[in-house]
N, C-alpha and C. Protein backbone atom coordinates (compact mmCIF):
# COMPACT_ATOMS: atom_id res chain seq x y z
N MET A 1 69.51 106.96 55.33
CA MET A 1 69.82 107.80 56.47
C MET A 1 68.78 107.55 57.56
N PHE A 2 69.24 107.52 58.79
CA PHE A 2 68.38 107.28 59.95
C PHE A 2 67.41 108.45 60.11
N LYS A 3 66.12 108.19 60.17
CA LYS A 3 65.11 109.25 60.28
C LYS A 3 64.89 109.69 61.72
N LYS A 4 64.59 108.73 62.59
CA LYS A 4 64.25 109.07 63.97
C LYS A 4 65.48 109.05 64.86
N LEU A 5 65.72 110.15 65.54
CA LEU A 5 66.78 110.23 66.52
C LEU A 5 66.13 109.97 67.88
N PRO A 6 66.35 108.78 68.48
CA PRO A 6 65.69 108.47 69.75
C PRO A 6 66.16 109.42 70.86
N ILE A 7 65.21 110.01 71.57
CA ILE A 7 65.53 110.97 72.63
C ILE A 7 65.18 110.39 74.00
N LEU A 8 64.00 109.82 74.13
CA LEU A 8 63.54 109.27 75.41
C LEU A 8 63.21 107.79 75.27
N GLU A 9 63.73 106.98 76.17
CA GLU A 9 63.38 105.56 76.24
C GLU A 9 62.30 105.45 77.31
N CYS A 10 61.13 104.90 76.94
CA CYS A 10 59.96 104.92 77.81
C CYS A 10 59.44 103.52 78.09
N GLU A 11 58.74 103.41 79.21
CA GLU A 11 58.04 102.17 79.54
C GLU A 11 56.61 102.55 79.90
N LEU A 12 55.64 101.91 79.24
CA LEU A 12 54.23 102.22 79.48
C LEU A 12 53.48 100.91 79.71
N ILE A 13 52.86 100.81 80.89
CA ILE A 13 52.07 99.63 81.24
C ILE A 13 50.67 100.11 81.60
N ILE A 14 49.68 99.49 80.98
CA ILE A 14 48.28 99.75 81.31
C ILE A 14 47.62 98.40 81.51
N GLY A 15 47.11 98.18 82.72
CA GLY A 15 46.51 96.88 83.04
C GLY A 15 47.55 95.79 82.95
N ASN A 16 47.26 94.78 82.14
CA ASN A 16 48.19 93.65 82.00
C ASN A 16 48.98 93.72 80.69
N LYS A 17 49.02 94.90 80.07
CA LYS A 17 49.72 95.04 78.79
C LYS A 17 50.79 96.12 78.86
N ARG A 18 51.77 95.96 77.99
CA ARG A 18 52.91 96.86 77.91
C ARG A 18 53.09 97.26 76.45
N LEU A 19 53.45 98.53 76.21
CA LEU A 19 53.72 99.01 74.85
C LEU A 19 55.20 98.81 74.55
N VAL A 20 55.51 98.11 73.46
CA VAL A 20 56.90 97.89 73.05
C VAL A 20 57.08 98.33 71.61
N GLU A 21 58.31 98.65 71.28
CA GLU A 21 58.68 99.06 69.92
C GLU A 21 59.38 97.87 69.26
N THR A 22 58.89 97.48 68.09
CA THR A 22 59.45 96.32 67.40
C THR A 22 59.75 96.68 65.95
N ASN A 23 60.41 95.78 65.28
CA ASN A 23 60.71 95.91 63.84
C ASN A 23 61.39 97.23 63.50
N ILE A 24 62.41 97.59 64.26
CA ILE A 24 63.14 98.84 64.00
C ILE A 24 64.07 98.60 62.81
N ASP A 25 63.88 99.39 61.74
CA ASP A 25 64.72 99.20 60.56
C ASP A 25 65.90 100.17 60.56
N THR A 26 66.71 100.11 59.53
CA THR A 26 67.92 100.94 59.46
C THR A 26 67.61 102.42 59.32
N TYR A 27 66.37 102.77 58.99
CA TYR A 27 65.98 104.17 58.85
C TYR A 27 65.34 104.72 60.12
N GLY A 28 65.21 103.90 61.16
CA GLY A 28 64.59 104.34 62.40
C GLY A 28 63.09 104.16 62.44
N ASN A 29 62.51 103.63 61.36
CA ASN A 29 61.08 103.35 61.36
C ASN A 29 60.83 102.12 62.23
N SER A 30 59.70 102.10 62.90
CA SER A 30 59.40 100.98 63.78
C SER A 30 57.90 100.79 63.91
N THR A 31 57.55 99.72 64.59
CA THR A 31 56.16 99.38 64.87
C THR A 31 55.96 99.38 66.37
N TYR A 32 54.87 99.96 66.84
CA TYR A 32 54.53 99.92 68.26
C TYR A 32 53.47 98.85 68.44
N GLN A 33 53.62 98.07 69.51
CA GLN A 33 52.73 96.92 69.69
C GLN A 33 52.42 96.75 71.18
N TRP A 34 51.14 96.50 71.48
CA TRP A 34 50.74 96.17 72.85
C TRP A 34 50.89 94.67 73.03
N VAL A 35 51.59 94.27 74.08
CA VAL A 35 51.78 92.84 74.37
C VAL A 35 51.45 92.59 75.84
N LYS A 36 51.01 91.38 76.14
CA LYS A 36 50.74 91.01 77.52
C LYS A 36 52.06 90.93 78.29
N ILE A 37 52.03 91.39 79.53
CA ILE A 37 53.22 91.30 80.37
C ILE A 37 53.59 89.83 80.51
N GLY A 38 54.86 89.53 80.29
CA GLY A 38 55.35 88.15 80.30
C GLY A 38 55.45 87.56 78.91
N LYS A 39 54.85 88.21 77.92
CA LYS A 39 54.87 87.72 76.53
C LYS A 39 55.65 88.68 75.62
N GLU A 40 56.54 89.48 76.20
CA GLU A 40 57.31 90.46 75.43
C GLU A 40 58.24 89.76 74.46
N PRO A 41 58.48 90.37 73.29
CA PRO A 41 59.44 89.80 72.34
C PRO A 41 60.85 89.90 72.90
N THR A 42 61.73 89.03 72.45
CA THR A 42 63.12 89.07 72.91
C THR A 42 64.04 89.48 71.76
N ILE A 43 65.07 90.23 72.11
CA ILE A 43 66.12 90.63 71.18
C ILE A 43 67.44 90.27 71.83
N ASP A 44 68.21 89.41 71.18
CA ASP A 44 69.49 88.94 71.72
C ASP A 44 69.33 88.35 73.12
N GLY A 45 68.24 87.62 73.35
CA GLY A 45 68.01 86.96 74.62
C GLY A 45 67.45 87.85 75.72
N GLU A 46 67.24 89.13 75.44
CA GLU A 46 66.71 90.07 76.43
C GLU A 46 65.28 90.46 76.04
N LYS A 47 64.38 90.52 77.04
CA LYS A 47 63.01 90.96 76.76
C LYS A 47 63.00 92.43 76.37
N LYS A 48 62.25 92.75 75.34
CA LYS A 48 62.07 94.14 74.89
C LYS A 48 60.88 94.70 75.65
N THR A 49 61.11 95.68 76.54
CA THR A 49 60.05 96.19 77.41
C THR A 49 59.82 97.69 77.25
N THR A 50 60.47 98.32 76.26
CA THR A 50 60.38 99.77 76.14
C THR A 50 60.07 100.20 74.71
N PHE A 51 59.83 101.49 74.57
CA PHE A 51 59.72 102.11 73.25
C PHE A 51 60.42 103.46 73.35
N SER A 52 60.79 104.02 72.22
CA SER A 52 61.49 105.31 72.26
C SER A 52 60.66 106.39 71.58
N LEU A 53 60.78 107.59 72.12
CA LEU A 53 60.22 108.77 71.49
C LEU A 53 61.38 109.53 70.89
N GLY A 54 61.20 110.01 69.69
CA GLY A 54 62.32 110.68 69.05
C GLY A 54 61.86 111.77 68.10
N ILE A 55 62.84 112.36 67.46
CA ILE A 55 62.58 113.46 66.53
C ILE A 55 63.26 113.17 65.20
N ASP A 56 62.79 113.85 64.17
CA ASP A 56 63.43 113.82 62.86
C ASP A 56 64.01 115.21 62.63
N PRO A 57 65.31 115.41 62.92
CA PRO A 57 65.89 116.75 62.83
C PRO A 57 65.87 117.35 61.43
N LYS A 58 65.79 116.52 60.40
CA LYS A 58 65.79 117.04 59.03
C LYS A 58 64.56 117.89 58.73
N ILE A 59 63.45 117.62 59.41
CA ILE A 59 62.22 118.37 59.14
C ILE A 59 61.92 119.37 60.26
N GLY A 60 62.90 119.58 61.16
CA GLY A 60 62.70 120.54 62.24
C GLY A 60 61.80 120.02 63.34
N ASP A 61 61.67 118.71 63.44
CA ASP A 61 60.84 118.06 64.44
C ASP A 61 61.35 118.38 65.84
N LYS A 62 60.44 118.54 66.80
CA LYS A 62 60.80 118.84 68.19
C LYS A 62 59.89 118.08 69.13
N ILE A 63 60.41 117.79 70.32
CA ILE A 63 59.56 117.30 71.40
C ILE A 63 59.21 118.53 72.22
N ILE A 64 57.91 118.78 72.38
CA ILE A 64 57.45 120.00 73.03
C ILE A 64 57.21 119.71 74.52
N GLY A 65 57.63 120.64 75.35
CA GLY A 65 57.42 120.51 76.79
C GLY A 65 58.30 121.50 77.54
N ASP A 66 58.30 121.38 78.85
CA ASP A 66 59.13 122.25 79.67
C ASP A 66 60.60 121.94 79.44
N GLU A 67 61.43 122.96 79.51
CA GLU A 67 62.87 122.79 79.34
C GLU A 67 63.53 122.82 80.71
N PHE A 68 64.40 121.85 80.95
CA PHE A 68 65.12 121.77 82.22
C PHE A 68 66.61 121.72 81.95
N ASP A 69 67.40 122.35 82.82
CA ASP A 69 68.86 122.25 82.70
C ASP A 69 69.28 120.82 82.98
N ILE A 70 70.28 120.37 82.25
CA ILE A 70 70.79 119.01 82.46
C ILE A 70 72.08 119.10 83.24
C-alpha cells in the first residue's frame, strides 16, 4: 500500500544546487538528493526538478500551517 500521499510539489534551489526526489518506490518511499543545476536526473526523457511533500493518512499525519479556502 502506498504510504505517502503527495500533497505539494515543490522546487527548492539554493546557490547552484537543487533538491530533487529520486528512487520513488511503489510504497511512496523516496530519496531526497541535492544535485547541481544542469545535472538533474531524467525520468522518461524529462529532467526531474522537484520533490513532493506529503502525508501518511494511516497514522493521522498532517501538514501543519494556515488553512485557506480553495
